PDB file of N, CA and C in Angstrom:
ATOM      1  N   MET A   1      71.346  81.096 114.821  1.00  0.00           N
ATOM      2  CA  MET A   1      70.865  82.316 114.442  1.00  0.00           C
ATOM      3  C   MET A   1      71.547  83.420 115.703  1.00  0.00           C
ATOM      4  N   THR A   2      71.364  82.746 116.820  1.00  0.00           N
ATOM      5  CA  THR A   2      71.642  83.598 118.164  1.00  0.00           C
ATOM      6  C   THR A   2      73.178  83.811 118.363  1.00  0.00           C
ATOM      7  N   ALA A   3      73.848  82.885 117.894  1.00  0.00           N
ATOM      8  CA  ALA A   3      75.311  82.662 117.965  1.00  0.00           C
ATOM      9  C   ALA A   3      75.751  83.626 116.827  1.00  0.00           C
ATOM     10  N   MET A   4      75.291  84.033 115.662  1.00  0.00           N
ATOM     11  CA  MET A   4      75.701  85.045 114.872  1.00  0.00           C
ATOM     12  C   MET A   4      75.472  86.386 115.279  1.00  0.00           C
ATOM     13  N   ILE A   5      74.162  86.595 116.007  1.00  0.00           N
ATOM     14  CA  ILE A   5      73.961  87.776 116.597  1.00  0.00           C
ATOM     15  C   ILE A   5      74.675  88.222 117.691  1.00  0.00           C
ATOM     16  N   PHE A   6      75.203  87.179 118.486  1.00  0.00           N
ATOM     17  CA  PHE A   6      76.070  87.488 119.755  1.00  0.00           C
ATOM     18  C   PHE A   6      77.486  87.745 119.150  1.00  0.00           C
ATOM     19  N   LEU A   7      77.902  87.074 118.122  1.00  0.00           N
ATOM     20  CA  LEU A   7      79.311  87.287 117.407  1.00  0.00           C
ATOM     21  C   LEU A   7      79.196  88.966 116.960  1.00  0.00           C
ATOM     22  N   PHE A   8      77.889  89.337 116.316  1.00  0.00           N
ATOM     23  CA  PHE A   8      77.929  90.505 115.533  1.00  0.00           C
ATOM     24  C   PHE A   8      77.969  91.538 116.636  1.00  0.00           C
ATOM     25  N   LEU A   9      77.456  91.203 117.887  1.00  0.00           N
ATOM     26  CA  LEU A   9      77.263  92.389 119.178  1.00  0.00           C
ATOM     27  C   LEU A   9      78.639  92.489 119.580  1.00  0.00           C
ATOM     28  N   SER A  10      79.283  91.312 120.161  1.00  0.00           N
ATOM     29  CA  SER A  10      80.571  91.391 120.593  1.00  0.00           C
ATOM     30  C   SER A  10      81.569  91.738 119.794  1.00  0.00           C
ATOM     31  N   THR A  11      81.710  91.579 118.608  1.00  0.00           N
ATOM     32  CA  THR A  11      82.707  92.325 117.702  1.00  0.00           C
ATOM     33  C   THR A  11      82.476  93.794 117.533  1.00  0.00           C
ATOM     34  N   THR A  12      81.149  94.311 117.448  1.00  0.00           N
ATOM     35  CA  THR A  12      80.756  95.820 117.580  1.00  0.00           C
ATOM     36  C   THR A  12      81.162  96.353 118.883  1.00  0.00           C
ATOM     37  N   PHE A  13      81.080  95.702 119.875  1.00  0.00           N
ATOM     38  CA  PHE A  13      81.494  96.360 121.260  1.00  0.00           C
ATOM     39  C   PHE A  13      82.699  96.267 121.220  1.00  0.00           C
ATOM     40  N   VAL A  14      83.737  95.454 120.841  1.00  0.00           N
ATOM     41  CA  VAL A  14      85.107  95.375 120.807  1.00  0.00           C
ATOM     42  C   VAL A  14      85.618  96.603 119.908  1.00  0.00           C
ATOM     43  N   ALA A  15      84.974  96.550 118.738  1.00  0.00           N
ATOM     44  CA  ALA A  15      85.375  97.765 117.940  1.00  0.00           C
ATOM     45  C   ALA A  15      85.203  99.265 118.809  1.00  0.00           C
ATOM     46  N   ILE A  16      84.111  99.040 119.224  1.00  0.00           N
ATOM     47  CA  ILE A  16      83.544 100.736 119.820  1.00  0.00           C
ATOM     48  C   ILE A  16      84.785 101.027 121.204  1.00  0.00           C
ATOM     49  N   ILE A  17      84.865  99.858 121.727  1.00  0.00           N
ATOM     50  CA  ILE A  17      85.938  99.973 122.987  1.00  0.00           C
ATOM     51  C   ILE A  17      87.196 100.492 122.427  1.00  0.00           C
ATOM     52  N   LEU A  18      87.569  99.692 121.424  1.00  0.00           N
ATOM     53  CA  LEU A  18      89.013 100.025 120.848  1.00  0.00           C
ATOM     54  C   LEU A  18      88.978 101.570 120.411  1.00  0.00           C
ATOM     55  N   ALA A  19      87.924 101.954 119.636  1.00  0.00           N
ATOM     56  CA  ALA A  19      88.015 103.302 119.125  1.00  0.00           C
ATOM     57  C   ALA A  19      88.022 104.561 120.111  1.00  0.00           C
ATOM     58  N   LEU A  20      87.089 103.868 121.388  1.00  0.00           N
ATOM     59  CA  LEU A  20      87.171 104.892 122.123  1.00  0.00           C
ATOM     60  C   LEU A  20      88.437 105.107 123.010  1.00  0.00           C
ATOM     61  N   ALA A  21      89.214 104.044 123.396  1.00  0.00           N
ATOM     62  CA  ALA A  21      90.494 103.968 124.032  1.00  0.00           C
ATOM     63  C   ALA A  21      91.452 104.684 123.064  1.00  0.00           C
ATOM     64  N   ALA A  22      91.541 104.698 121.737  1.00  0.00           N
ATOM     65  CA  ALA A  22      92.419 105.352 121.045  1.00  0.00           C
ATOM     66  C   ALA A  22      91.963 106.665 120.931  1.00  0.00           C
ATOM     67  N   HIS A  23      90.973 107.373 121.212  1.00  0.00           N
ATOM     68  CA  HIS A  23      90.730 108.787 121.281  1.00  0.00           C
ATOM     69  C   HIS A  23      90.892 109.383 122.699  1.00  0.00           C
ATOM     70  N   ILE A  24      90.842 108.466 123.640  1.00  0.00           N
ATOM     71  CA  ILE A  24      90.872 108.802 125.077  1.00  0.00           C
ATOM     72  C   ILE A  24      92.757 108.765 125.519  1.00  0.00           C
ATOM     73  N   LEU A  25      93.091 107.725 125.074  1.00  0.00           N
ATOM     74  CA  LEU A  25      94.360 107.478 125.761  1.00  0.00           C
ATOM     75  C   LEU A  25      95.463 108.616 124.793  1.00  0.00           C
ATOM     76  N   PRO A  26      96.203 109.214 125.557  1.00  0.00           N
ATOM     77  CA  PRO A  26      97.162 110.212 124.990  1.00  0.00           C
ATOM     78  C   PRO A  26      98.088 109.707 123.991  1.00  0.00           C
ATOM     79  N   ASN A  27      98.443 110.400 122.953  1.00  0.00           N
ATOM     80  CA  ASN A  27      99.528 109.826 121.917  1.00  0.00           C
ATOM     81  C   ASN A  27     100.746 110.186 122.592  1.00  0.00           C
ATOM     82  N   ARG A  28     101.459 109.018 122.670  1.00  0.00           N
ATOM     83  CA  ARG A  28     102.744 109.167 123.580  1.00  0.00           C
ATOM     84  C   ARG A  28     104.114 109.290 122.603  1.00  0.00           C
ATOM     85  N   ASN A  29     103.491 109.028 121.247  1.00  0.00           N
ATOM     86  CA  ASN A  29     104.604 109.099 120.185  1.00  0.00           C
ATOM     87  C   ASN A  29     105.150 110.605 119.570  1.00  0.00           C
ATOM     88  N   SER A  30     105.705 111.321 120.250  1.00  0.00           N
ATOM     89  CA  SER A  30     106.231 112.437 120.055  1.00  0.00           C
ATOM     90  C   SER A  30     107.465 112.840 119.038  1.00  0.00           C
ATOM     91  N   ASP A  31     107.757 111.631 118.337  1.00  0.00           N
ATOM     92  CA  ASP A  31     109.074 111.808 117.600  1.00  0.00           C
ATOM     93  C   ASP A  31     108.603 112.439 116.379  1.00  0.00           C
ATOM     94  N   GLY A  32     109.134 113.255 115.819  1.00  0.00           N
ATOM     95  CA  GLY A  32     108.602 113.832 114.425  1.00  0.00           C
ATOM     96  C   GLY A  32     108.928 113.382 113.284  1.00  0.00           C
ATOM     97  N   GLU A  33     110.179 112.459 113.355  1.00  0.00           N
ATOM     98  CA  GLU A  33     110.586 111.577 112.282  1.00  0.00           C
ATOM     99  C   GLU A  33     109.646 110.262 112.087  1.00  0.00           C
ATOM    100  N   LYS A  34     109.042 110.200 112.943  1.00  0.00           N
ATOM    101  CA  LYS A  34     107.850 108.915 113.062  1.00  0.00           C
ATOM    102  C   LYS A  34     106.560 109.606 112.449  1.00  0.00           C
ATOM    103  N   ASN A  35     106.387 110.785 112.533  1.00  0.00           N
ATOM    104  CA  ASN A  35     105.229 111.228 112.408  1.00  0.00           C
ATOM    105  C   ASN A  35     105.310 111.758 110.627  1.00  0.00           C
ATOM    106  N   SER A  36     106.217 111.802 110.362  1.00  0.00           N
ATOM    107  CA  SER A  36     106.350 112.086 108.800  1.00  0.00           C
ATOM    108  C   SER A  36     106.358 111.359 107.882  1.00  0.00           C
ATOM    109  N   PRO A  37     105.800 111.535 106.817  1.00  0.00           N
ATOM    110  CA  PRO A  37     105.379 110.411 105.776  1.00  0.00           C
ATOM    111  C   PRO A  37     106.826 109.907 105.088  1.00  0.00           C
ATOM    112  N   TYR A  38     106.717 108.788 104.993  1.00  0.00           N
ATOM    113  CA  TYR A  38     107.931 107.820 104.559  1.00  0.00           C
ATOM    114  C   TYR A  38     108.012 108.129 102.918  1.00  0.00           C
ATOM    115  N   GLU A  39     108.993 108.644 102.406  1.00  0.00           N
ATOM    116  CA  GLU A  39     109.184 108.798 101.069  1.00  0.00           C
ATOM    117  C   GLU A  39     110.270 107.963 100.587  1.00  0.00           C
ATOM    118  N   CYS A  40     110.078 107.024  99.994  1.00  0.00           N
ATOM    119  CA  CYS A  40     111.019 105.801  99.529  1.00  0.00           C
ATOM    120  C   CYS A  40     112.198 106.564  98.603  1.00  0.00           C
ATOM    121  N   GLY A  41     113.095 106.829  99.075  1.00  0.00           N
ATOM    122  CA  GLY A  41     114.373 107.251  98.094  1.00  0.00           C
ATOM    123  C   GLY A  41     114.560 108.560  98.107  1.00  0.00           C
ATOM    124  N   PHE A  42     113.628 109.455  98.958  1.00  0.00           N
ATOM    125  CA  PHE A  42     113.707 111.011  99.074  1.00  0.00           C
ATOM    126  C   PHE A  42     113.806 111.406 100.399  1.00  0.00           C
ATOM    127  N   GLU A  43     114.490 112.664 100.283  1.00  0.00           N
ATOM    128  CA  GLU A  43     114.549 113.347 101.524  1.00  0.00           C
ATOM    129  C   GLU A  43     112.928 113.529 102.050  1.00  0.00           C
ATOM    130  N   SER A  44     112.736 113.562 103.277  1.00  0.00           N
ATOM    131  CA  SER A  44     111.465 113.957 103.949  1.00  0.00           C
ATOM    132  C   SER A  44     111.404 115.470 104.308  1.00  0.00           C
ATOM    133  N   THR A  45     110.890 116.304 102.782  1.00  0.00           N
ATOM    134  CA  THR A  45     110.484 117.427 102.829  1.00  0.00           C
ATOM    135  C   THR A  45     109.453 117.745 102.451  1.00  0.00           C
ATOM    136  N   ASN A  46     108.774 118.729 102.793  1.00  0.00           N
ATOM    137  CA  ASN A  46     107.426 119.007 102.275  1.00  0.00           C
ATOM    138  C   ASN A  46     107.308 119.876 101.241  1.00  0.00           C
ATOM    139  N   THR A  47     107.934 119.850 100.211  1.00  0.00           N
ATOM    140  CA  THR A  47     108.314 120.736  98.953  1.00  0.00           C
ATOM    141  C   THR A  47     107.181 119.859  98.036  1.00  0.00           C
ATOM    142  N   LEU A  48     106.619 121.160  97.104  1.00  0.00           N
ATOM    143  CA  LEU A  48     105.951 120.676  96.080  1.00  0.00           C
ATOM    144  C   LEU A  48     106.562 119.600  94.884  1.00  0.00           C
ATOM    145  N   LEU A  49     107.830 119.578  94.729  1.00  0.00           N
ATOM    146  CA  LEU A  49     108.540 118.924  93.768  1.00  0.00           C
ATOM    147  C   LEU A  49     108.699 117.390  94.236  1.00  0.00           C
ATOM    148  N   VAL A  50     108.918 117.163  95.322  1.00  0.00           N
ATOM    149  CA  VAL A  50     108.638 115.759  96.035  1.00  0.00           C
ATOM    150  C   VAL A  50     107.421 115.329  95.974  1.00  0.00           C
ATOM    151  N   LEU A  51     106.359 116.097  95.975  1.00  0.00           N
ATOM    152  CA  LEU A  51     104.848 115.731  96.020  1.00  0.00           C
ATOM    153  C   LEU A  51     104.692 115.274  94.598  1.00  0.00           C
ATOM    154  N   LEU A  52     105.000 116.094  93.720  1.00  0.00           N
ATOM    155  CA  LEU A  52     104.722 115.739  92.192  1.00  0.00           C
ATOM    156  C   LEU A  52     105.460 114.737  91.845  1.00  0.00           C
ATOM    157  N   LEU A  53     106.547 114.439  92.285  1.00  0.00           N
ATOM    158  CA  LEU A  53     107.556 113.571  91.733  1.00  0.00           C
ATOM    159  C   LEU A  53     107.043 112.068  92.385  1.00  0.00           C
ATOM    160  N   SER A  54     106.547 111.843  93.851  1.00  0.00           N
ATOM    161  CA  SER A  54     105.834 110.707  94.223  1.00  0.00           C
ATOM    162  C   SER A  54     104.535 110.629  93.678  1.00  0.00           C
ATOM    163  N   LEU A  55     103.867 111.519  93.143  1.00  0.00           N
ATOM    164  CA  LEU A  55     102.460 111.164  92.484  1.00  0.00           C
ATOM    165  C   LEU A  55     102.723 110.505  91.307  1.00  0.00           C
ATOM    166  N   SER A  56     103.597 111.251  90.373  1.00  0.00           N
ATOM    167  CA  SER A  56     104.042 110.760  88.927  1.00  0.00           C
ATOM    168  C   SER A  56     104.574 109.251  89.188  1.00  0.00           C
ATOM    169  N   PHE A  57     105.357 108.887  90.216  1.00  0.00           N
ATOM    170  CA  PHE A  57     105.795 107.742  90.435  1.00  0.00           C
ATOM    171  C   PHE A  57     104.708 106.632  90.779  1.00  0.00           C
ATOM    172  N   PHE A  58     103.895 107.095  91.691  1.00  0.00           N
ATOM    173  CA  PHE A  58     102.645 106.092  92.139  1.00  0.00           C
ATOM    174  C   PHE A  58     101.767 106.077  91.082  1.00  0.00           C
ATOM    175  N   PHE A  59     101.468 107.098  90.248  1.00  0.00           N
ATOM    176  CA  PHE A  59     100.411 106.961  88.949  1.00  0.00           C
ATOM    177  C   PHE A  59     101.229 106.043  87.872  1.00  0.00           C
ATOM    178  N   SER A  60     102.270 106.022  87.676  1.00  0.00           N
ATOM    179  CA  SER A  60     102.755 105.124  86.717  1.00  0.00           C
ATOM    180  C   SER A  60     102.822 103.825  86.920  1.00  0.00           C
ATOM    181  N   SER A  61     103.148 103.659  88.456  1.00  0.00           N
ATOM    182  CA  SER A  61     103.303 102.194  88.784  1.00  0.00           C
ATOM    183  C   SER A  61     101.748 101.646  88.892  1.00  0.00           C
ATOM    184  N   HIS A  62     101.031 102.505  89.241  1.00  0.00           N
ATOM    185  CA  HIS A  62      99.472 101.983  89.106  1.00  0.00           C
ATOM    186  C   HIS A  62      99.073 101.648  87.708  1.00  0.00           C
ATOM    187  N   LEU A  63      99.542 102.469  86.792  1.00  0.00           N
ATOM    188  CA  LEU A  63      98.999 102.495  85.591  1.00  0.00           C
ATOM    189  C   LEU A  63      99.678 101.155  84.761  1.00  0.00           C
ATOM    190  N   ILE A  64     100.850 100.902  85.200  1.00  0.00           N
ATOM    191  CA  ILE A  64     101.389  99.834  84.779  1.00  0.00           C
ATOM    192  C   ILE A  64     100.936  98.381  85.153  1.00  0.00           C
ATOM    193  N   PHE A  65     100.752  98.471  86.800  1.00  0.00           N
ATOM    194  CA  PHE A  65      99.907  97.316  87.271  1.00  0.00           C
ATOM    195  C   PHE A  65      98.543  97.064  86.682  1.00  0.00           C
ATOM    196  N   THR A  66      98.056  97.918  86.374  1.00  0.00           N
ATOM    197  CA  THR A  66      96.448  98.002  85.920  1.00  0.00           C
ATOM    198  C   THR A  66      96.603  97.393  84.483  1.00  0.00           C
ATOM    199  N   LEU A  67      97.442  97.856  83.602  1.00  0.00           N
ATOM    200  CA  LEU A  67      97.637  97.337  82.203  1.00  0.00           C
ATOM    201  C   LEU A  67      98.134  95.939  82.451  1.00  0.00           C
ATOM    202  N   TRP A  68      98.899  95.317  83.178  1.00  0.00           N
ATOM    203  CA  TRP A  68      99.766  94.243  83.501  1.00  0.00           C
ATOM    204  C   TRP A  68      98.361  93.160  83.623  1.00  0.00           C
ATOM    205  N   SER A  69      97.802  93.629  84.995  1.00  0.00           N
ATOM    206  CA  SER A  69      96.696  92.550  85.410  1.00  0.00           C
ATOM    207  C   SER A  69      95.754  92.257  84.627  1.00  0.00           C
ATOM    208  N   SER A  70      95.061  93.462  83.871  1.00  0.00           N
ATOM    209  CA  SER A  70      93.803  93.476  82.940  1.00  0.00           C
ATOM    210  C   SER A  70      94.253  92.562  81.760  1.00  0.00           C
ATOM    211  N   ASN A  71      95.738  92.545  81.084  1.00  0.00           N
ATOM    212  CA  ASN A  71      95.872  92.124  79.956  1.00  0.00           C
ATOM    213  C   ASN A  71      96.296  90.570  80.351  1.00  0.00           C
ATOM    214  N   SER A  72      97.128  90.228  81.163  1.00  0.00           N
ATOM    215  CA  SER A  72      97.607  88.969  81.503  1.00  0.00           C
ATOM    216  C   SER A  72      96.701  87.774  82.263  1.00  0.00           C
ATOM    217  N   THR A  73      95.691  88.546  83.011  1.00  0.00           N
ATOM    218  CA  THR A  73      94.790  87.417  83.761  1.00  0.00           C
ATOM    219  C   THR A  73      93.872  86.866  82.533  1.00  0.00           C
ATOM    220  N   PRO A  74      93.243  87.369  81.705  1.00  0.00           N
ATOM    221  CA  PRO A  74      92.662  86.781  80.674  1.00  0.00           C
ATOM    222  C   PRO A  74      93.388  85.841  79.851  1.00  0.00           C
ATOM    223  N   ILE A  75      94.438  86.226  79.407  1.00  0.00           N
ATOM    224  CA  ILE A  75      95.469  85.478  78.517  1.00  0.00           C
ATOM    225  C   ILE A  75      95.774  84.343  78.976  1.00  0.00           C
ATOM    226  N   PHE A  76      96.413  84.600  80.284  1.00  0.00           N
ATOM    227  CA  PHE A  76      96.813  83.315  80.938  1.00  0.00           C
ATOM    228  C   PHE A  76      95.988  82.279  81.146  1.00  0.00           C
ATOM    229  N   HIS A  77      94.626  82.683  81.242  1.00  0.00           N
ATOM    230  CA  HIS A  77      93.317  81.524  81.588  1.00  0.00           C
ATOM    231  C   HIS A  77      93.011  81.189  80.172  1.00  0.00           C
ATOM    232  N   PHE A  78      93.104  81.799  79.084  1.00  0.00           N
ATOM    233  CA  PHE A  78      92.878  81.390  77.782  1.00  0.00           C
ATOM    234  C   PHE A  78      93.849  80.322  77.522  1.00  0.00           C
ATOM    235  N   LEU A  79      95.118  80.717  77.583  1.00  0.00           N
ATOM    236  CA  LEU A  79      96.108  79.942  77.144  1.00  0.00           C
ATOM    237  C   LEU A  79      96.213  78.392  78.028  1.00  0.00           C
ATOM    238  N   ALA A  80      95.904  78.652  79.215  1.00  0.00           N
ATOM    239  CA  ALA A  80      96.044  77.570  80.011  1.00  0.00           C
ATOM    240  C   ALA A  80      94.969  76.453  79.650  1.00  0.00           C
ATOM    241  N   ALA A  81      93.649  77.201  79.149  1.00  0.00           N
ATOM    242  CA  ALA A  81      92.622  76.311  78.828  1.00  0.00           C
ATOM    243  C   ALA A  81      92.779  75.737  77.649  1.00  0.00           C
ATOM    244  N   ASN A  82      93.350  76.381  76.591  1.00  0.00           N
ATOM    245  CA  ASN A  82      93.605  75.910  75.049  1.00  0.00           C
ATOM    246  C   ASN A  82      94.793  75.198  74.811  1.00  0.00           C
ATOM    247  N   PHE A  83      95.603  75.200  75.768  1.00  0.00           N
ATOM    248  CA  PHE A  83      97.121  74.638  75.353  1.00  0.00           C
ATOM    249  C   PHE A  83      97.319  73.558  75.075  1.00  0.00           C
ATOM    250  N   VAL A  84      96.251  72.351  75.740  1.00  0.00           N
ATOM    251  CA  VAL A  84      96.294  71.037  75.471  1.00  0.00           C
ATOM    252  C   VAL A  84      95.697  70.764  74.255  1.00  0.00           C
ATOM    253  N   THR A  85      94.668  71.579  73.759  1.00  0.00           N
ATOM    254  CA  THR A  85      93.950  70.954  72.648  1.00  0.00           C
ATOM    255  C   THR A  85      94.530  71.833  71.564  1.00  0.00           C
ATOM    256  N   HIS A  86      94.892  73.010  71.453  1.00  0.00           N
ATOM    257  CA  HIS A  86      95.524  73.703  70.582  1.00  0.00           C
ATOM    258  C   HIS A  86      96.851  74.413  71.098  1.00  0.00           C
ATOM    259  N   PRO A  87      98.059  73.453  70.907  1.00  0.00           N
ATOM    260  CA  PRO A  87      99.231  73.872  71.324  1.00  0.00           C
ATOM    261  C   PRO A  87      99.971  75.002  70.288  1.00  0.00           C
ATOM    262  N   SER A  88      99.402  75.103  69.014  1.00  0.00           N
ATOM    263  CA  SER A  88      99.881  76.040  68.191  1.00  0.00           C
ATOM    264  C   SER A  88      99.493  77.404  68.499  1.00  0.00           C
ATOM    265  N   ILE A  89      98.652  77.836  69.231  1.00  0.00           N
ATOM    266  CA  ILE A  89      98.081  78.959  69.716  1.00  0.00           C
ATOM    267  C   ILE A  89      98.982  79.648  70.714  1.00  0.00           C
ATOM    268  N   LEU A  90      99.746  79.221  71.432  1.00  0.00           N
ATOM    269  CA  LEU A  90     100.784  79.840  72.129  1.00  0.00           C
ATOM    270  C   LEU A  90     101.611  80.879  71.625  1.00  0.00           C
ATOM    271  N   ILE A  91     102.348  80.878  70.724  1.00  0.00           N
ATOM    272  CA  ILE A  91     103.172  81.744  69.958  1.00  0.00           C
ATOM    273  C   ILE A  91     102.274  82.839  69.398  1.00  0.00           C
ATOM    274  N   PRO A  92     101.229  82.790  68.590  1.00  0.00           N
ATOM    275  CA  PRO A  92     100.683  83.966  68.228  1.00  0.00           C
ATOM    276  C   PRO A  92      99.863  84.864  69.471  1.00  0.00           C
ATOM    277  N   ILE A  93      99.249  84.162  70.452  1.00  0.00           N
ATOM    278  CA  ILE A  93      98.798  84.691  71.654  1.00  0.00           C
ATOM    279  C   ILE A  93      99.691  85.740  72.487  1.00  0.00           C
ATOM    280  N   SER A  94     100.697  84.820  72.648  1.00  0.00           N
ATOM    281  CA  SER A  94     101.709  85.436  73.422  1.00  0.00           C
ATOM    282  C   SER A  94     102.493  86.840  72.856  1.00  0.00           C
ATOM    283  N   LEU A  95     102.579  86.577  71.444  1.00  0.00           N
ATOM    284  CA  LEU A  95     103.185  87.781  70.575  1.00  0.00           C
ATOM    285  C   LEU A  95     102.020  89.094  70.717  1.00  0.00           C
ATOM    286  N   ALA A  96     100.872  88.622  70.340  1.00  0.00           N
ATOM    287  CA  ALA A  96      99.759  89.786  70.689  1.00  0.00           C
ATOM    288  C   ALA A  96      99.772  90.310  71.870  1.00  0.00           C
ATOM    289  N   PHE A  97      99.955  89.308  73.160  1.00  0.00           N
ATOM    290  CA  PHE A  97     100.242  90.058  74.438  1.00  0.00           C
ATOM    291  C   PHE A  97     101.543  91.015  74.379  1.00  0.00           C
ATOM    292  N   MET A  98     102.424  90.693  74.294  1.00  0.00           N
ATOM    293  CA  MET A  98     103.582  91.719  74.134  1.00  0.00           C
ATOM    294  C   MET A  98     103.490  92.915  73.358  1.00  0.00           C
ATOM    295  N   ILE A  99     102.786  92.889  72.113  1.00  0.00           N
ATOM    296  CA  ILE A  99     102.628  93.875  71.433  1.00  0.00           C
ATOM    297  C   ILE A  99     101.740  94.711  71.883  1.00  0.00           C
ATOM    298  N   ILE A 100     100.603  94.223  72.453  1.00  0.00           N
ATOM    299  CA  ILE A 100      99.779  95.110  73.498  1.00  0.00           C
ATOM    300  C   ILE A 100     100.478  95.828  74.582  1.00  0.00           C
ATOM    301  N   LEU A 101     101.312  95.161  75.355  1.00  0.00           N
ATOM    302  CA  LEU A 101     101.887  95.992  76.419  1.00  0.00           C
ATOM    303  C   LEU A 101     102.837  96.956  75.771  1.00  0.00           C
ATOM    304  N   THR A 102     103.562  96.812  74.667  1.00  0.00           N
ATOM    305  CA  THR A 102     104.380  97.449  74.181  1.00  0.00           C
ATOM    306  C   THR A 102     103.870  98.575  73.540  1.00  0.00           C
ATOM    307  N   ILE A 103     103.013  98.666  72.880  1.00  0.00           N
ATOM    308  CA  ILE A 103     102.020  99.853  72.488  1.00  0.00           C
ATOM    309  C   ILE A 103     101.589 100.492  73.644  1.00  0.00           C
ATOM    310  N   GLY A 104     101.404 100.034  74.939  1.00  0.00           N
ATOM    311  CA  GLY A 104     101.063 100.924  76.102  1.00  0.00           C
ATOM    312  C   GLY A 104     102.271 101.577  76.578  1.00  0.00           C
ATOM    313  N   LEU A 105     103.192 100.862  76.621  1.00  0.00           N
ATOM    314  CA  LEU A 105     104.441 101.464  77.075  1.00  0.00           C
ATOM    315  C   LEU A 105     104.909 102.617  76.119  1.00  0.00           C
ATOM    316  N   ILE A 106     104.850 102.720  75.033  1.00  0.00           N
ATOM    317  CA  ILE A 106     105.109 103.760  74.051  1.00  0.00           C
ATOM    318  C   ILE A 106     104.255 104.880  74.251  1.00  0.00           C
ATOM    319  N   PHE A 107     103.066 104.407  74.390  1.00  0.00           N
ATOM    320  CA  PHE A 107     101.940 105.549  74.388  1.00  0.00           C
ATOM    321  C   PHE A 107     102.454 106.397  76.006  1.00  0.00           C
ATOM    322  N   GLU A 108     102.547 105.774  76.717  1.00  0.00           N
ATOM    323  CA  GLU A 108     103.128 106.357  78.404  1.00  0.00           C
ATOM    324  C   GLU A 108     104.195 107.172  78.021  1.00  0.00           C
ATOM    325  N   TRP A 109     105.172 106.619  77.221  1.00  0.00           N
ATOM    326  CA  TRP A 109     106.248 107.306  76.795  1.00  0.00           C
ATOM    327  C   TRP A 109     106.350 108.455  76.240  1.00  0.00           C
ATOM    328  N   ILE A 110     105.306 108.528  75.129  1.00  0.00           N
ATOM    329  CA  ILE A 110     105.241 109.656  74.277  1.00  0.00           C
ATOM    330  C   ILE A 110     104.444 110.418  75.277  1.00  0.00           C
ATOM    331  N   ASN A 111     103.431 110.401  76.009  1.00  0.00           N
ATOM    332  CA  ASN A 111     102.642 111.222  76.835  1.00  0.00           C
ATOM    333  C   ASN A 111     103.493 111.713  77.778  1.00  0.00           C
ATOM    334  N   GLY A 112     104.603 111.330  78.176  1.00  0.00           N
ATOM    335  CA  GLY A 112     105.343 111.965  79.428  1.00  0.00           C
ATOM    336  C   GLY A 112     105.105 111.364  80.682  1.00  0.00           C
ATOM    337  N   GLY A 113     104.519 110.116  80.653  1.00  0.00           N
ATOM    338  CA  GLY A 113     103.846 109.495  82.033  1.00  0.00           C
ATOM    339  C   GLY A 113     104.953 108.683  82.556  1.00  0.00           C
ATOM    340  N   LEU A 114     106.326 108.509  81.912  1.00  0.00           N
ATOM    341  CA  LEU A 114     107.215 108.014  82.269  1.00  0.00           C
ATOM    342  C   LEU A 114     108.396 108.874  83.061  1.00  0.00           C
ATOM    343  N   GLU A 115     108.397 110.112  82.763  1.00  0.00           N
ATOM    344  CA  GLU A 115     108.971 111.205  83.368  1.00  0.00           C
ATOM    345  C   GLU A 115     108.761 111.595  84.772  1.00  0.00           C
ATOM    346  N   TRP A 116     109.485 111.442  85.660  1.00  0.00           N
ATOM    347  CA  TRP A 116     109.127 111.507  87.200  1.00  0.00           C
ATOM    348  C   TRP A 116     109.523 113.216  87.389  1.00  0.00           C
ATOM    349  N   ALA A 117     110.697 113.892  86.968  1.00  0.00           N
ATOM    350  CA  ALA A 117     110.866 115.085  87.086  1.00  0.00           C
ATOM    351  C   ALA A 117     111.270 115.870  85.747  1.00  0.00           C
ATOM    352  N   GLU A 118     110.970 117.212  85.775  1.00  0.00           N
ATOM    353  CA  GLU A 118     111.144 117.792  84.315  1.00  0.00           C
ATOM    354  C   GLU A 118     112.355 118.770  84.763  1.00  0.00           C
TER     355      GLU A 118
END
């Protein structure tokens, strides 16, 4: 128990020292390009169009990832568990999975979630 308390206190002490050093020591990086946010594939400007374009891109990417992970994880485990005992279940479940993903894609397409710029 004392080793755990010592580890906790020493970790807290090191974190406090590093936080204080970050605030006390001057920032020597004065390059404007390094301080600007990185926009993949876009010019580094501070216009609203780039902001809206980036937010739409990241929102649609997040939505696609969420749909994929929430649908594929349970289905994959269900198929892996039942493939040995019921091999005929692979095609209907895979087809249902693809239909669900296609419906989600069509829904996003109709609502304009895939359009990044107008």
